Amino acid sequence: MGDETGGEKDCQCRFTDHFELLVRVYGRFGRNGAVREVAFAGRSNAGKSSAINTLAGRVRLAYVSKTPGRTQHLNYFTLADGKYFVDLPGYGYAKAPEAIRSQWEGLIGPYLSKRDQLAGLVVIMDIRRPMTDLDLRLIDWFRPTGRPIHILLSKADKLSRQEQTKSLRSVKAEVATWGDAALYSVQLFSSLKKTGVEEAEGVLANWLDIEIKPKENKGPPDKGGPGAKKP
């Protein structure tokens, strides 16, 4: 865990105490608006850790758990100078101890409502079970902040194209009832097949005000170009 003078680790800072400690540790980084964060939330086992790993481009940056509810802290992941992904604890796992459920409400609620540096919230939903009561509870909790919400319908590879389209349309129809279309967006996503990765990267880059590096073209060189074989 980073020290209380504002230190941080290169890859991950784990906060096991309450929101007040988080503010003390990171408060000085946000005075000039330089710090920007994107929070990731979702039901336990919805594919949140896999999504973070895929979008951050680092293998196992967030531990991909086979036990739902493993993440029980705010986990900060450094992307660039002053830019972070924040992994929130998964919610809705019935076997999570009461103390952990209380910590979620005591820590996450204040973070979502009071963290000035929070640029937006990504909600990961299993495409086979989207818009659960707990998903909607979280979203209703966050919407009054006026910050954007982007929904990833994860594990899209588990459904056929027709089923994907049906689920996407259904969720978009519900999101449309929330009002300001500029604040809310939905997309298909698969960490396994890399479906929707570029679309999600575009949203996050806009929120964090960072530039996405273009992918290298690994195809055969153009005729006459560098690396082309001479006759």
Protein backbone atom coordinates (compact mmCIF):
# COMPACT_ATOMS: atom_id res chain seq x y z
CA MET A 1 0.00 0.00 0.00
CA GLY A 2 1.25 3.46 -0.84
CA ASP A 3 2.41 5.62 2.04
CA GLU A 4 0.32 8.52 3.30
CA THR A 5 2.59 11.13 1.74
CA GLY A 6 1.32 10.30 -1.71
CA GLY A 7 3.65 7.51 -2.75
CA GLU A 8 2.51 4.79 -5.12
CA LYS A 9 3.71 1.54 -6.56
CA ASP A 10 4.42 1.28 -10.27
CA CYS A 11 1.71 -1.27 -10.92
CA GLN A 12 -0.79 -1.46 -8.11
CA CYS A 13 -1.81 0.40 -4.97
CA ARG A 14 -4.17 -1.47 -2.69
CA PHE A 15 -6.26 0.40 -0.14
CA THR A 16 -7.62 -1.73 2.66
CA ASP A 17 -9.03 1.04 4.82
CA HIS A 18 -11.86 3.47 4.24
CA PHE A 19 -12.35 6.34 1.82
CA GLU A 20 -10.70 8.91 4.12
CA LEU A 21 -7.35 7.10 3.79
CA LEU A 22 -7.72 7.00 0.03
CA VAL A 23 -8.25 10.76 -0.01
CA ARG A 24 -5.17 11.36 2.15
CA VAL A 25 -2.99 9.21 -0.08
CA TYR A 26 -4.13 10.58 -3.41
CA GLY A 27 -5.44 14.01 -2.49
CA ARG A 28 -2.32 15.94 -3.40
CA PHE A 29 -2.19 14.41 -6.89
CA GLY A 30 -5.55 15.89 -7.85
CA ARG A 31 -5.10 19.54 -6.91
CA ASN A 32 -4.40 20.68 -10.45
CA GLY A 33 -6.82 18.28 -12.09
CA ALA A 34 -3.88 16.20 -13.35
CA VAL A 35 -5.17 12.95 -11.91
CA ARG A 36 -7.97 11.18 -13.74
CA GLU A 37 -9.44 7.82 -12.84
CA VAL A 38 -11.88 5.37 -14.38
CA ALA A 39 -13.60 2.95 -12.01
CA PHE A 40 -14.59 -0.57 -13.00
CA ALA A 41 -17.50 -2.25 -11.23
CA GLY A 42 -19.57 -5.35 -11.78
CA ARG A 43 -21.17 -8.37 -10.25
CA SER A 44 -18.77 -10.99 -8.98
CA ASN A 45 -17.69 -13.30 -11.80
CA ALA A 46 -19.01 -10.95 -14.52
CA GLY A 47 -15.56 -10.74 -16.12
CA LYS A 48 -14.35 -7.50 -14.54
CA SER A 49 -10.75 -8.55 -13.92
CA SER A 50 -10.42 -10.02 -17.39
CA ALA A 51 -11.75 -6.79 -18.90
CA ILE A 52 -9.24 -4.69 -16.94
CA ASN A 53 -6.39 -6.97 -18.01
CA THR A 54 -7.44 -6.77 -21.65
CA LEU A 55 -7.90 -3.01 -21.71
CA ALA A 56 -4.72 -2.28 -19.76
CA GLY A 57 -2.75 -4.58 -22.05
CA ARG A 58 -1.02 -6.38 -19.20
CA VAL A 59 -1.45 -10.05 -18.47
CA ARG A 60 -2.82 -10.73 -15.00
CA LEU A 61 -2.64 -7.10 -13.91
CA ALA A 62 -5.85 -7.71 -12.01
CA TYR A 63 -6.01 -11.25 -10.67
CA VAL A 64 -8.52 -13.26 -12.70
CA SER A 65 -10.38 -15.04 -9.96
CA LYS A 66 -12.12 -18.39 -10.10
CA THR A 67 -13.71 -17.48 -6.78
CA PRO A 68 -16.34 -14.75 -7.17
CA GLY A 69 -15.91 -11.84 -4.81
CA ARG A 70 -12.12 -12.03 -4.54
CA THR A 71 -11.47 -8.29 -4.99
CA GLN A 72 -12.33 -6.71 -1.65
CA HIS A 73 -10.43 -3.41 -1.82
CA LEU A 74 -9.96 -0.45 -4.12
CA ASN A 75 -7.12 -1.49 -6.41
CA TYR A 76 -5.34 1.28 -8.34
CA PHE A 77 -3.53 0.44 -11.59
CA THR A 78 -1.19 2.98 -13.17
CA LEU A 79 -1.66 3.53 -16.92
CA ALA A 80 0.34 6.72 -17.40
CA ASP A 81 1.36 9.73 -15.34
CA GLY A 82 -1.71 10.58 -13.28
CA LYS A 83 -4.02 8.16 -15.14
CA TYR A 84 -5.49 5.16 -13.35
CA PHE A 85 -7.90 2.26 -13.61
CA VAL A 86 -9.61 1.61 -10.27
CA ASP A 87 -10.85 -1.93 -9.68
CA LEU A 88 -13.82 -1.90 -7.30
CA PRO A 89 -14.88 -4.96 -5.30
CA GLY A 90 -17.32 -7.24 -7.06
CA TYR A 91 -20.83 -7.11 -5.69
CA GLY A 92 -23.62 -9.58 -5.26
CA TYR A 93 -21.69 -12.65 -4.15
CA ALA A 94 -23.94 -14.38 -1.63
CA LYS A 95 -21.09 -16.01 0.32
CA ALA A 96 -19.21 -12.75 0.93
CA PRO A 97 -19.01 -12.15 4.68
CA GLU A 98 -21.20 -9.43 6.11
CA ALA A 99 -18.12 -7.40 7.02
CA ILE A 100 -17.06 -7.32 3.38
CA ARG A 101 -20.53 -6.30 2.21
CA SER A 102 -20.49 -3.52 4.81
CA GLN A 103 -17.05 -2.41 3.61
CA TRP A 104 -18.37 -2.22 0.05
CA GLU A 105 -21.14 0.12 1.11
CA GLY A 106 -18.89 2.10 3.46
CA LEU A 107 -15.99 2.47 1.01
CA ILE A 108 -17.42 2.40 -2.49
CA GLY A 109 -20.39 4.67 -1.91
CA PRO A 110 -18.30 7.64 -0.73
CA TYR A 111 -15.68 6.97 -3.42
CA LEU A 112 -18.22 7.05 -6.24
CA SER A 113 -20.02 10.12 -4.96
CA LYS A 114 -17.10 12.22 -3.66
CA ARG A 115 -14.01 11.43 -5.73
CA ASP A 116 -13.50 14.55 -7.87
CA GLN A 117 -10.87 12.87 -10.04
CA LEU A 118 -13.27 10.13 -11.13
CA ALA A 119 -13.88 10.61 -14.86
CA GLY A 120 -16.45 7.88 -15.31
CA LEU A 121 -17.71 4.43 -14.36
CA VAL A 122 -17.44 1.25 -16.42
CA VAL A 123 -20.02 -1.34 -15.41
CA ILE A 124 -19.27 -4.88 -16.54
CA MET A 125 -22.32 -7.11 -16.98
CA ASP A 126 -22.43 -10.72 -18.10
CA ILE A 127 -24.32 -10.47 -21.39
CA ARG A 128 -26.36 -13.53 -20.42
CA ARG A 129 -27.62 -11.81 -17.25
CA PRO A 130 -27.52 -8.02 -17.78
CA MET A 131 -29.25 -5.31 -15.78
CA THR A 132 -29.72 -7.25 -12.56
CA ASP A 133 -31.24 -5.51 -9.55
CA LEU A 134 -27.75 -4.98 -8.11
CA ASP A 135 -26.46 -3.53 -11.37
CA LEU A 136 -29.34 -1.07 -11.42
CA ARG A 137 -28.84 -0.23 -7.75
CA LEU A 138 -25.21 0.68 -8.42
CA ILE A 139 -26.13 2.74 -11.47
CA ASP A 140 -28.92 4.57 -9.64
CA TRP A 141 -26.39 5.31 -6.92
CA PHE A 142 -23.93 6.79 -9.43
CA ARG A 143 -26.15 8.65 -11.88
CA PRO A 144 -26.74 11.72 -9.65
CA THR A 145 -22.99 12.51 -9.92
CA GLY A 146 -23.54 13.53 -13.55
CA ARG A 147 -20.52 11.51 -14.67
CA PRO A 148 -20.65 9.14 -17.65
CA ILE A 149 -21.37 5.42 -17.46
CA HIS A 150 -20.17 2.91 -20.03
CA ILE A 151 -21.60 -0.62 -19.93
CA LEU A 152 -19.57 -3.57 -21.19
CA LEU A 153 -21.73 -6.59 -21.99
CA SER A 154 -18.97 -9.07 -21.27
CA LYS A 155 -18.55 -12.69 -22.34
CA ALA A 156 -20.23 -11.89 -25.65
CA ASP A 157 -18.51 -14.93 -27.12
CA LYS A 158 -20.87 -17.10 -25.07
CA LEU A 159 -23.80 -16.09 -27.30
CA SER A 160 -24.56 -16.31 -31.00
CA ARG A 161 -24.50 -13.15 -33.12
CA GLN A 162 -28.29 -13.06 -33.08
CA GLU A 163 -28.42 -13.41 -29.30
CA GLN A 164 -25.75 -10.73 -28.89
CA THR A 165 -27.75 -8.29 -31.00
CA LYS A 166 -30.94 -9.03 -29.07
CA SER A 167 -29.27 -8.46 -25.69
CA LEU A 168 -27.51 -5.29 -26.87
CA ARG A 169 -30.76 -3.81 -28.19
CA SER A 170 -32.59 -4.66 -24.96
CA VAL A 171 -29.98 -3.00 -22.74
CA LYS A 172 -29.71 0.04 -25.02
CA ALA A 173 -33.49 0.46 -24.86
CA GLU A 174 -33.40 0.53 -21.07
CA VAL A 175 -30.42 2.90 -20.99
CA ALA A 176 -32.29 5.25 -23.34
CA THR A 177 -34.87 5.81 -20.59
CA TRP A 178 -32.21 7.32 -18.31
CA GLY A 179 -32.10 10.62 -20.16
CA ASP A 180 -28.95 12.32 -21.44
CA ALA A 181 -27.70 10.01 -24.20
CA ALA A 182 -24.26 11.64 -24.10
CA LEU A 183 -23.64 10.26 -20.61
CA TYR A 184 -24.58 6.62 -21.12
CA SER A 185 -23.28 4.06 -23.60
CA VAL A 186 -23.37 0.29 -24.10
CA GLN A 187 -21.30 -2.14 -26.13
CA LEU A 188 -20.53 -5.81 -26.66
CA PHE A 189 -17.26 -7.05 -25.16
CA SER A 190 -15.27 -10.26 -25.00
CA SER A 191 -11.87 -10.53 -23.36
CA LEU A 192 -11.38 -13.95 -24.95
CA LYS A 193 -12.16 -12.95 -28.54
CA LYS A 194 -11.11 -9.30 -28.10
CA THR A 195 -14.55 -8.20 -29.27
CA GLY A 196 -15.15 -4.50 -28.66
CA VAL A 197 -11.67 -3.77 -27.31
CA GLU A 198 -10.97 -0.86 -29.65
CA GLU A 199 -14.40 0.65 -29.00
CA ALA A 200 -13.86 0.48 -25.24
CA GLU A 201 -10.33 1.88 -25.56
CA GLY A 202 -11.73 4.86 -27.43
CA VAL A 203 -14.21 5.62 -24.65
CA LEU A 204 -11.59 5.31 -21.92
CA ALA A 205 -9.00 7.37 -23.82
CA ASN A 206 -11.54 10.16 -24.15
CA TRP A 207 -12.40 10.07 -20.45
CA LEU A 208 -8.77 9.97 -19.34
CA ASP A 209 -7.52 12.38 -22.00
CA ILE A 210 -4.82 10.02 -23.21
CA GLU A 211 -3.68 9.02 -26.68
CA ILE A 212 -3.95 5.43 -27.82
CA LYS A 213 -0.84 4.19 -29.58
CA PRO A 214 -1.64 2.89 -33.07
CA LYS A 215 -1.20 -0.83 -33.51
CA GLU A 216 1.84 -1.96 -35.43
CA ASN A 217 1.11 -3.36 -38.86
CA LYS A 218 2.54 -6.86 -38.77
CA GLY A 219 1.43 -7.70 -42.30
CA PRO A 220 3.79 -8.16 -45.25
CA PRO A 221 5.68 -5.01 -46.28
CA ASP A 222 4.41 -2.99 -49.23
CA LYS A 223 6.23 -3.41 -52.50
CA GLY A 224 9.11 -1.01 -52.62
CA GLY A 225 8.68 -0.09 -48.96
CA PRO A 226 11.14 -0.65 -46.12
CA GLY A 227 11.73 -4.33 -45.61
CA ALA A 228 10.50 -5.31 -49.06
CA LYS A 229 12.54 -7.93 -50.79
CA LYS A 230 14.62 -6.68 -53.68
CA PRO A 231 14.26 -8.49 -57.00
